[in-house]
């Protein structure tokens, strides 16, 4: 395998708690509070936020107000407001509402794809081609990101071959996706498998592999982020307070925690532009809105250290 590129000195953390996090819990957060969340995350320095998903409200009532939250997010200068769209109809809504980016999920696991989207993986690829044609015909500049999920295995199917993940990733780009991402939907990945698959994927498509999405289901989320970062990935999904998961993947609870991830990167000297103390304050506010729900993460318990590398800059805002 070719030597990994020199790691970058900056990274972007995309907040996906408003979509991936809230869709997986019973509590329905009001539109006003979601807008508060967006504003506070933006004030903390986050510049890409996944604000929701265009799915039928009867399926995910937690995300029924995505259009309203998106409309507010678009008023914030420099913020990239993304949404998840599971199908052509969702893409129509995303384009109508002016989303900056739409993520089209594809599961490399055939069993999970049928459970989650009621389509085979290759049918999703065909849907992306239709969405690209729709986007181009509309004259919109909305980006299309093909998100390849269950890239490291699946609780429903078991093993997912790396060759199939790479085939589907390339097929999404060939169908018209502007870029792709890889997701460990059920928390099966480990640092060695991440280094191997992301290394192969970057060798195949280069910088068009634009993002990594890890779950911390088995405690390896942060180590997996580091392994992906070493292959040259500089963009990561995360959820405030580590909420999230997948309704159709048993045991897939707990996304990588935003505040822990930002702290790790900053501690390593990787600039994120995000104020850790502001994230911790936002976490405390969101925790009040999610009373009774299971939250995750460790930085909120231990606090920001006062000594050691990077402590001065981090503690100054704590």
Foldseek 3Di string as FASTA:
>chain_A
DDAFDDFDQAFAEEAECLAQFQQPDDFADDLVVLLVLLVLQVVQFHQEYANYEPDDCVNRVSRPCSLVSLLSNVVDPRHQYEYEYAFLVRLVVCVVSQHQEYEHEAELDQVLCCVARVDGRVVSLLRLLVSQVVCVVVVHNRAYEYEYECCQAAQVRGGRDLVSSLVSLVSNVVSPHQAYEYENQQQPDALVVLLVSLLVNCVVPNCSHAEYWYFCLPPRQLVSVVSNSSNHHRYYYAHALQGGHDPSGPSRGGTHHPLVNCLVSVLVSRHHSGQSVSSLVSSVVVCVSVPPDDGDDDCNPVDQDCDDRNNVVNVVRD
